Amino acid sequence: SAVPLYQAAVESFVPFAGDAELLDAAMKGDGDALASPEITAWLESNRAALVRLQEGNELPYRGAPSQSDSGYLVGILLPNLSPLRQLSRVAVLEGKRAELDGRPQDAVNNYLTAIKTGAQVSHGVTLIEQLVGVAQQRAGSDALLDAMAGTHAAPLDYESLAQRLESEYRPLRPMASAIQGERAMMLDLVQTSFERDPETGDYRVQPDAL
């Protein structure tokens, strides 16, 4: 299972504590931002976490273990979701740096990391995991499309890239499946609003619960 590797990645993840505008600029491929000491140090501090993420991406995953202090589906906690999304950003930034360094294959590897992670995360039980998976895949896909459209000292081999995408690309969980998770959450809450009437045997609304 990918779960223990993802957990290890999350536990070693170091959040970015610098300027949000600098991070945005780096995500857009700004060379000065990518080479800045803040971005460089952040990527270096997350190198081990990124390796664990990449290892987890090669294993089956159907969402993290669910925990709800309230006992209801709507109370499920998702502490790993934000770090996994941020690690996808780390992968994209590593890819953009690789492009600037003339290492197109390394760039593709990192963009595929973000794309694969998005597919994995989307298999969680909640709609928010699906939406985060969409965001992760979009970041990786946009970066890959930019790389294909750009001009570099070491150009991409488009034929081998197409073959690799065909074999390695993983789709997101179908949205219809994600909506079923939301439906289950709603029904889980609705059923707590009723109690059985001991006299009639029928169900009646509990005003306090409602």
C-alpha atoms as a PDB file:
ATOM      1  CA  SER A   1       0.000   0.000   0.000  1.00  0.00           C
ATOM      2  CA  ALA A   2       1.104   3.557  -0.718  1.00  0.00           C
ATOM      3  CA  VAL A   3      -0.267   4.739   2.634  1.00  0.00           C
ATOM      4  CA  PRO A   4       2.875   4.251   4.796  1.00  0.00           C
ATOM      5  CA  LEU A   5       5.076   5.904   2.167  1.00  0.00           C
ATOM      6  CA  TYR A   6       2.717   8.857   1.868  1.00  0.00           C
ATOM      7  CA  GLN A   7       2.630   9.093   5.645  1.00  0.00           C
ATOM      8  CA  ALA A   8       6.437   9.151   5.744  1.00  0.00           C
ATOM      9  CA  ALA A   9       6.441  11.852   3.061  1.00  0.00           C
ATOM     10  CA  VAL A  10       3.975  13.966   5.033  1.00  0.00           C
ATOM     11  CA  GLU A  11       5.905  13.552   8.288  1.00  0.00           C
ATOM     12  CA  SER A  12       9.133  14.765   6.680  1.00  0.00           C
ATOM     13  CA  PHE A  13       7.477  17.567   4.675  1.00  0.00           C
ATOM     14  CA  VAL A  14       8.667  21.100   5.489  1.00  0.00           C
ATOM     15  CA  PRO A  15       6.074  23.837   4.743  1.00  0.00           C
ATOM     16  CA  PHE A  16       7.126  26.923   2.816  1.00  0.00           C
ATOM     17  CA  ALA A  17       7.510  29.853   5.197  1.00  0.00           C
ATOM     18  CA  GLY A  18       8.618  32.466   2.668  1.00  0.00           C
ATOM     19  CA  ASP A  19       6.891  35.034   0.479  1.00  0.00           C
ATOM     20  CA  ALA A  20       3.757  33.670  -1.235  1.00  0.00           C
ATOM     21  CA  GLU A  21       4.343  35.921  -4.268  1.00  0.00           C
ATOM     22  CA  LEU A  22       7.825  34.477  -4.689  1.00  0.00           C
ATOM     23  CA  LEU A  23       6.396  30.953  -4.638  1.00  0.00           C
ATOM     24  CA  ASP A  24       3.762  31.970  -7.207  1.00  0.00           C
ATOM     25  CA  ALA A  25       6.412  33.400  -9.485  1.00  0.00           C
ATOM     26  CA  ALA A  26       8.468  30.228  -9.223  1.00  0.00           C
ATOM     27  CA  MET A  27       5.420  28.102 -10.071  1.00  0.00           C
ATOM     28  CA  LYS A  28       5.016  30.215 -13.220  1.00  0.00           C
ATOM     29  CA  GLY A  29       8.590  29.404 -14.226  1.00  0.00           C
ATOM     30  CA  ASP A  30      10.292  32.685 -13.335  1.00  0.00           C
ATOM     31  CA  GLY A  31      14.008  31.939 -13.462  1.00  0.00           C
ATOM     32  CA  ASP A  32      15.006  34.421 -10.769  1.00  0.00           C
ATOM     33  CA  ALA A  33      12.371  33.094  -8.386  1.00  0.00           C
ATOM     34  CA  LEU A  34      13.378  29.475  -9.051  1.00  0.00           C
ATOM     35  CA  ALA A  35      17.010  30.335  -8.335  1.00  0.00           C
ATOM     36  CA  SER A  36      16.247  32.351  -5.200  1.00  0.00           C
ATOM     37  CA  PRO A  37      17.779  31.161  -1.906  1.00  0.00           C
ATOM     38  CA  GLU A  38      14.321  30.732  -0.338  1.00  0.00           C
ATOM     39  CA  ILE A  39      12.981  28.433  -3.058  1.00  0.00           C
ATOM     40  CA  THR A  40      16.265  26.548  -3.342  1.00  0.00           C
ATOM     41  CA  ALA A  41      16.388  25.903   0.406  1.00  0.00           C
ATOM     42  CA  TRP A  42      12.739  24.813   0.488  1.00  0.00           C
ATOM     43  CA  LEU A  43      13.200  22.310  -2.312  1.00  0.00           C
ATOM     44  CA  GLU A  44      16.335  20.939  -0.683  1.00  0.00           C
ATOM     45  CA  SER A  45      14.563  20.495   2.661  1.00  0.00           C
ATOM     46  CA  ASN A  46      11.847  18.426   0.953  1.00  0.00           C
ATOM     47  CA  ARG A  47      14.049  16.210  -1.185  1.00  0.00           C
ATOM     48  CA  ALA A  48      13.575  13.142   1.026  1.00  0.00           C
ATOM     49  CA  ALA A  49       9.811  13.729   1.251  1.00  0.00           C
ATOM     50  CA  LEU A  50       9.599  13.907  -2.537  1.00  0.00           C
ATOM     51  CA  VAL A  51      11.390  10.564  -2.885  1.00  0.00           C
ATOM     52  CA  ARG A  52       8.895   8.918  -0.509  1.00  0.00           C
ATOM     53  CA  LEU A  53       6.030  10.462  -2.507  1.00  0.00           C
ATOM     54  CA  GLN A  54       7.415   9.098  -5.776  1.00  0.00           C
ATOM     55  CA  GLU A  55       7.810   5.650  -4.262  1.00  0.00           C
ATOM     56  CA  GLY A  56       4.243   5.727  -2.979  1.00  0.00           C
ATOM     57  CA  ASN A  57       2.941   6.724  -6.400  1.00  0.00           C
ATOM     58  CA  GLU A  58       3.973   3.338  -7.761  1.00  0.00           C
ATOM     59  CA  LEU A  59       1.833   1.412  -5.251  1.00  0.00           C
ATOM     60  CA  PRO A  60      -1.951   0.898  -4.975  1.00  0.00           C
ATOM     61  CA  TYR A  61      -3.841   3.555  -3.037  1.00  0.00           C
ATOM     62  CA  ARG A  62      -7.517   3.965  -2.210  1.00  0.00           C
ATOM     63  CA  GLY A  63      -7.365   6.896   0.177  1.00  0.00           C
ATOM     64  CA  ALA A  64      -5.860   7.456   3.602  1.00  0.00           C
ATOM     65  CA  PRO A  65      -7.314   5.727   6.678  1.00  0.00           C
ATOM     66  CA  SER A  66     -10.391   7.684   7.766  1.00  0.00           C
ATOM     67  CA  GLN A  67     -10.643   9.179  11.240  1.00  0.00           C
ATOM     68  CA  SER A  68     -13.667  11.026  12.634  1.00  0.00           C
ATOM     69  CA  ASP A  69     -13.772  12.142  16.267  1.00  0.00           C
ATOM     70  CA  SER A  70     -17.545  12.689  16.023  1.00  0.00           C
ATOM     71  CA  GLY A  71     -18.222   9.295  14.474  1.00  0.00           C
ATOM     72  CA  TYR A  72     -19.892  10.903  11.457  1.00  0.00           C
ATOM     73  CA  LEU A  73     -18.604  10.839   7.897  1.00  0.00           C
ATOM     74  CA  VAL A  74     -18.732  14.646   7.709  1.00  0.00           C
ATOM     75  CA  GLY A  75     -16.225  14.745  10.585  1.00  0.00           C
ATOM     76  CA  ILE A  76     -13.495  12.849   8.716  1.00  0.00           C
ATOM     77  CA  LEU A  77     -10.137  14.582   9.207  1.00  0.00           C
ATOM     78  CA  LEU A  78      -7.724  15.014   6.293  1.00  0.00           C
ATOM     79  CA  PRO A  79      -4.419  16.095   7.877  1.00  0.00           C
ATOM     80  CA  ASN A  80      -2.328  14.719   5.004  1.00  0.00           C
ATOM     81  CA  LEU A  81      -4.178  16.442   2.194  1.00  0.00           C
ATOM     82  CA  SER A  82      -2.482  19.853   2.287  1.00  0.00           C
ATOM     83  CA  PRO A  83       1.067  18.447   2.631  1.00  0.00           C
ATOM     84  CA  LEU A  84       0.468  16.104  -0.329  1.00  0.00           C
ATOM     85  CA  ARG A  85      -0.727  19.014  -2.422  1.00  0.00           C
ATOM     86  CA  GLN A  86       2.309  21.072  -1.430  1.00  0.00           C
ATOM     87  CA  LEU A  87       4.603  18.170  -2.309  1.00  0.00           C
ATOM     88  CA  SER A  88       3.101  18.197  -5.788  1.00  0.00           C
ATOM     89  CA  ARG A  89       4.207  21.835  -5.974  1.00  0.00           C
ATOM     90  CA  VAL A  90       7.682  20.764  -4.916  1.00  0.00           C
ATOM     91  CA  ALA A  91       7.689  18.263  -7.795  1.00  0.00           C
ATOM     92  CA  VAL A  92       6.587  20.922 -10.299  1.00  0.00           C
ATOM     93  CA  LEU A  93       9.246  23.364  -9.097  1.00  0.00           C
ATOM     94  CA  GLU A  94      11.919  20.672  -9.295  1.00  0.00           C
ATOM     95  CA  GLY A  95      10.753  20.058 -12.856  1.00  0.00           C
ATOM     96  CA  LYS A  96      10.981  23.718 -13.820  1.00  0.00           C
ATOM     97  CA  ARG A  97      14.490  23.937 -12.358  1.00  0.00           C
ATOM     98  CA  ALA A  98      15.458  20.839 -14.331  1.00  0.00           C
ATOM     99  CA  GLU A  99      14.197  22.498 -17.521  1.00  0.00           C
ATOM    100  CA  LEU A 100      16.348  25.560 -16.901  1.00  0.00           C
ATOM    101  CA  ASP A 101      19.335  23.291 -16.236  1.00  0.00           C
ATOM    102  CA  GLY A 102      18.865  21.470 -19.553  1.00  0.00           C
ATOM    103  CA  ARG A 103      17.564  18.236 -18.003  1.00  0.00           C
ATOM    104  CA  PRO A 104      14.257  17.699 -19.824  1.00  0.00           C
ATOM    105  CA  GLN A 105      13.874  14.060 -18.770  1.00  0.00           C
ATOM    106  CA  ASP A 106      14.171  14.977 -15.097  1.00  0.00           C
ATOM    107  CA  ALA A 107      11.606  17.708 -15.682  1.00  0.00           C
ATOM    108  CA  VAL A 108       9.154  15.210 -17.179  1.00  0.00           C
ATOM    109  CA  ASN A 109       9.726  12.811 -14.269  1.00  0.00           C
ATOM    110  CA  ASN A 110       8.760  15.507 -11.788  1.00  0.00           C
ATOM    111  CA  TYR A 111       5.714  16.680 -13.730  1.00  0.00           C
ATOM    112  CA  LEU A 112       4.516  13.083 -13.908  1.00  0.00           C
ATOM    113  CA  THR A 113       4.977  12.878 -10.137  1.00  0.00           C
ATOM    114  CA  ALA A 114       2.441  15.687  -9.683  1.00  0.00           C
ATOM    115  CA  ILE A 115       0.054  14.108 -12.191  1.00  0.00           C
ATOM    116  CA  LYS A 116       0.272  10.662 -10.563  1.00  0.00           C
ATOM    117  CA  THR A 117      -0.137  12.089  -7.077  1.00  0.00           C
ATOM    118  CA  GLY A 118      -3.304  13.865  -8.164  1.00  0.00           C
ATOM    119  CA  ALA A 119      -4.774  10.611  -9.443  1.00  0.00           C
ATOM    120  CA  GLN A 120      -3.872   8.847  -6.198  1.00  0.00           C
ATOM    121  CA  VAL A 121      -5.273  11.541  -3.912  1.00  0.00           C
ATOM    122  CA  SER A 122      -8.537  11.629  -5.870  1.00  0.00           C
ATOM    123  CA  HIS A 123      -9.305   8.093  -4.669  1.00  0.00           C
ATOM    124  CA  GLY A 124     -10.096   9.282  -1.152  1.00  0.00           C
ATOM    125  CA  VAL A 125     -13.642   9.053   0.149  1.00  0.00           C
ATOM    126  CA  THR A 126     -14.393  12.800   0.108  1.00  0.00           C
ATOM    127  CA  LEU A 127     -15.163  15.296  -2.629  1.00  0.00           C
ATOM    128  CA  ILE A 128     -12.416  17.630  -1.375  1.00  0.00           C
ATOM    129  CA  GLU A 129      -9.845  14.893  -2.063  1.00  0.00           C
ATOM    130  CA  GLN A 130     -11.180  14.663  -5.603  1.00  0.00           C
ATOM    131  CA  LEU A 131     -10.878  18.432  -6.049  1.00  0.00           C
ATOM    132  CA  VAL A 132      -7.336  18.524  -4.651  1.00  0.00           C
ATOM    133  CA  GLY A 133      -6.442  15.680  -7.017  1.00  0.00           C
ATOM    134  CA  VAL A 134      -7.770  17.766  -9.914  1.00  0.00           C
ATOM    135  CA  ALA A 135      -5.615  20.718  -8.817  1.00  0.00           C
ATOM    136  CA  GLN A 136      -2.515  18.537  -8.548  1.00  0.00           C
ATOM    137  CA  GLN A 137      -3.026  17.019 -11.984  1.00  0.00           C
ATOM    138  CA  ARG A 138      -3.644  20.434 -13.482  1.00  0.00           C
ATOM    139  CA  ALA A 139      -0.398  21.829 -12.044  1.00  0.00           C
ATOM    140  CA  GLY A 140       1.595  18.904 -13.423  1.00  0.00           C
ATOM    141  CA  SER A 141      -0.203  18.896 -16.791  1.00  0.00           C
ATOM    142  CA  ASP A 142       0.129  22.642 -17.299  1.00  0.00           C
ATOM    143  CA  ALA A 143       3.846  22.463 -16.548  1.00  0.00           C
ATOM    144  CA  LEU A 144       4.261  19.556 -18.953  1.00  0.00           C
ATOM    145  CA  LEU A 145       2.388  21.381 -21.721  1.00  0.00           C
ATOM    146  CA  ASP A 146       4.551  24.471 -21.144  1.00  0.00           C
ATOM    147  CA  ALA A 147       7.653  22.295 -21.427  1.00  0.00           C
ATOM    148  CA  MET A 148       6.420  20.808 -24.698  1.00  0.00           C
ATOM    149  CA  ALA A 149       5.732  24.272 -26.107  1.00  0.00           C
ATOM    150  CA  GLY A 150       9.032  25.794 -24.972  1.00  0.00           C
ATOM    151  CA  THR A 151      12.457  25.876 -26.538  1.00  0.00           C
ATOM    152  CA  HIS A 152      15.305  24.393 -24.522  1.00  0.00           C
ATOM    153  CA  ALA A 153      18.973  23.640 -24.923  1.00  0.00           C
ATOM    154  CA  ALA A 154      18.116  19.952 -24.614  1.00  0.00           C
ATOM    155  CA  PRO A 155      14.782  19.466 -26.442  1.00  0.00           C
ATOM    156  CA  LEU A 156      12.213  16.876 -25.465  1.00  0.00           C
ATOM    157  CA  ASP A 157      11.859  13.618 -27.337  1.00  0.00           C
ATOM    158  CA  TYR A 158       8.145  13.942 -28.104  1.00  0.00           C
ATOM    159  CA  GLU A 159       7.711  10.408 -29.420  1.00  0.00           C
ATOM    160  CA  SER A 160       9.060   8.755 -26.271  1.00  0.00           C
ATOM    161  CA  LEU A 161       7.150  11.268 -24.129  1.00  0.00           C
ATOM    162  CA  ALA A 162       3.887  10.347 -25.868  1.00  0.00           C
ATOM    163  CA  GLN A 163       4.582   6.647 -25.315  1.00  0.00           C
ATOM    164  CA  ARG A 164       5.379   7.257 -21.680  1.00  0.00           C
ATOM    165  CA  LEU A 165       2.257   9.300 -21.077  1.00  0.00           C
ATOM    166  CA  GLU A 166       0.162   6.593 -22.685  1.00  0.00           C
ATOM    167  CA  SER A 167       1.594   3.972 -20.345  1.00  0.00           C
ATOM    168  CA  GLU A 168       1.952   5.994 -17.139  1.00  0.00           C
ATOM    169  CA  TYR A 169      -0.891   8.530 -17.111  1.00  0.00           C
ATOM    170  CA  ARG A 170      -3.539   7.683 -14.518  1.00  0.00           C
ATOM    171  CA  PRO A 171      -7.022   9.184 -14.638  1.00  0.00           C
ATOM    172  CA  LEU A 172      -8.722  10.740 -11.663  1.00  0.00           C
ATOM    173  CA  ARG A 173     -11.441   8.851  -9.846  1.00  0.00           C
ATOM    174  CA  PRO A 174     -14.730   9.456 -11.698  1.00  0.00           C
ATOM    175  CA  MET A 175     -16.622  12.437 -10.306  1.00  0.00           C
ATOM    176  CA  ALA A 176     -19.781  10.321 -10.050  1.00  0.00           C
ATOM    177  CA  SER A 177     -17.971   8.141  -7.520  1.00  0.00           C
ATOM    178  CA  ALA A 178     -16.809  11.153  -5.511  1.00  0.00           C
ATOM    179  CA  ILE A 179     -20.379  12.468  -5.371  1.00  0.00           C
ATOM    180  CA  GLN A 180     -21.503   9.163  -3.850  1.00  0.00           C
ATOM    181  CA  GLY A 181     -19.189   9.907  -0.926  1.00  0.00           C
ATOM    182  CA  GLU A 182     -20.921  13.257  -0.419  1.00  0.00           C
ATOM    183  CA  ARG A 183     -24.310  11.540  -0.679  1.00  0.00           C
ATOM    184  CA  ALA A 184     -23.296   9.059   2.019  1.00  0.00           C
ATOM    185  CA  MET A 185     -22.220  11.941   4.272  1.00  0.00           C
ATOM    186  CA  MET A 186     -25.571  13.655   3.830  1.00  0.00           C
ATOM    187  CA  LEU A 187     -27.543  10.489   4.531  1.00  0.00           C
ATOM    188  CA  ASP A 188     -25.335   9.820   7.560  1.00  0.00           C
ATOM    189  CA  LEU A 189     -26.372  13.201   8.992  1.00  0.00           C
ATOM    190  CA  VAL A 190     -30.021  12.972   7.993  1.00  0.00           C
ATOM    191  CA  GLN A 191     -30.541   9.629   9.709  1.00  0.00           C
ATOM    192  CA  THR A 192     -29.422  11.094  13.044  1.00  0.00           C
ATOM    193  CA  SER A 193     -32.311  13.553  12.876  1.00  0.00           C
ATOM    194  CA  PHE A 194     -34.905  10.808  13.427  1.00  0.00           C
ATOM    195  CA  GLU A 195     -35.816   8.488  16.266  1.00  0.00           C
ATOM    196  CA  ARG A 196     -38.311   5.677  16.571  1.00  0.00           C
ATOM    197  CA  ASP A 197     -41.567   6.520  18.350  1.00  0.00           C
ATOM    198  CA  PRO A 198     -41.966   3.790  21.006  1.00  0.00           C
ATOM    199  CA  GLU A 199     -45.771   4.028  20.870  1.00  0.00           C
ATOM    200  CA  THR A 200     -46.338   3.841  17.118  1.00  0.00           C
ATOM    201  CA  GLY A 201     -43.128   2.217  15.973  1.00  0.00           C
ATOM    202  CA  ASP A 202     -42.797   4.890  13.293  1.00  0.00           C
ATOM    203  CA  TYR A 203     -39.919   7.307  12.900  1.00  0.00           C
ATOM    204  CA  ARG A 204     -40.250  10.912  14.073  1.00  0.00           C
ATOM    205  CA  VAL A 205     -38.030  13.956  13.795  1.00  0.00           C
ATOM    206  CA  GLN A 206     -35.796  14.822  16.751  1.00  0.00           C
ATOM    207  CA  PRO A 207     -35.948  18.648  16.885  1.00  0.00           C
ATOM    208  CA  ASP A 208     -32.697  18.955  18.855  1.00  0.00           C
ATOM    209  CA  ALA A 209     -30.808  16.710  16.462  1.00  0.00           C
ATOM    210  CA  LEU A 210     -32.287  18.504  13.465  1.00  0.00           C
END
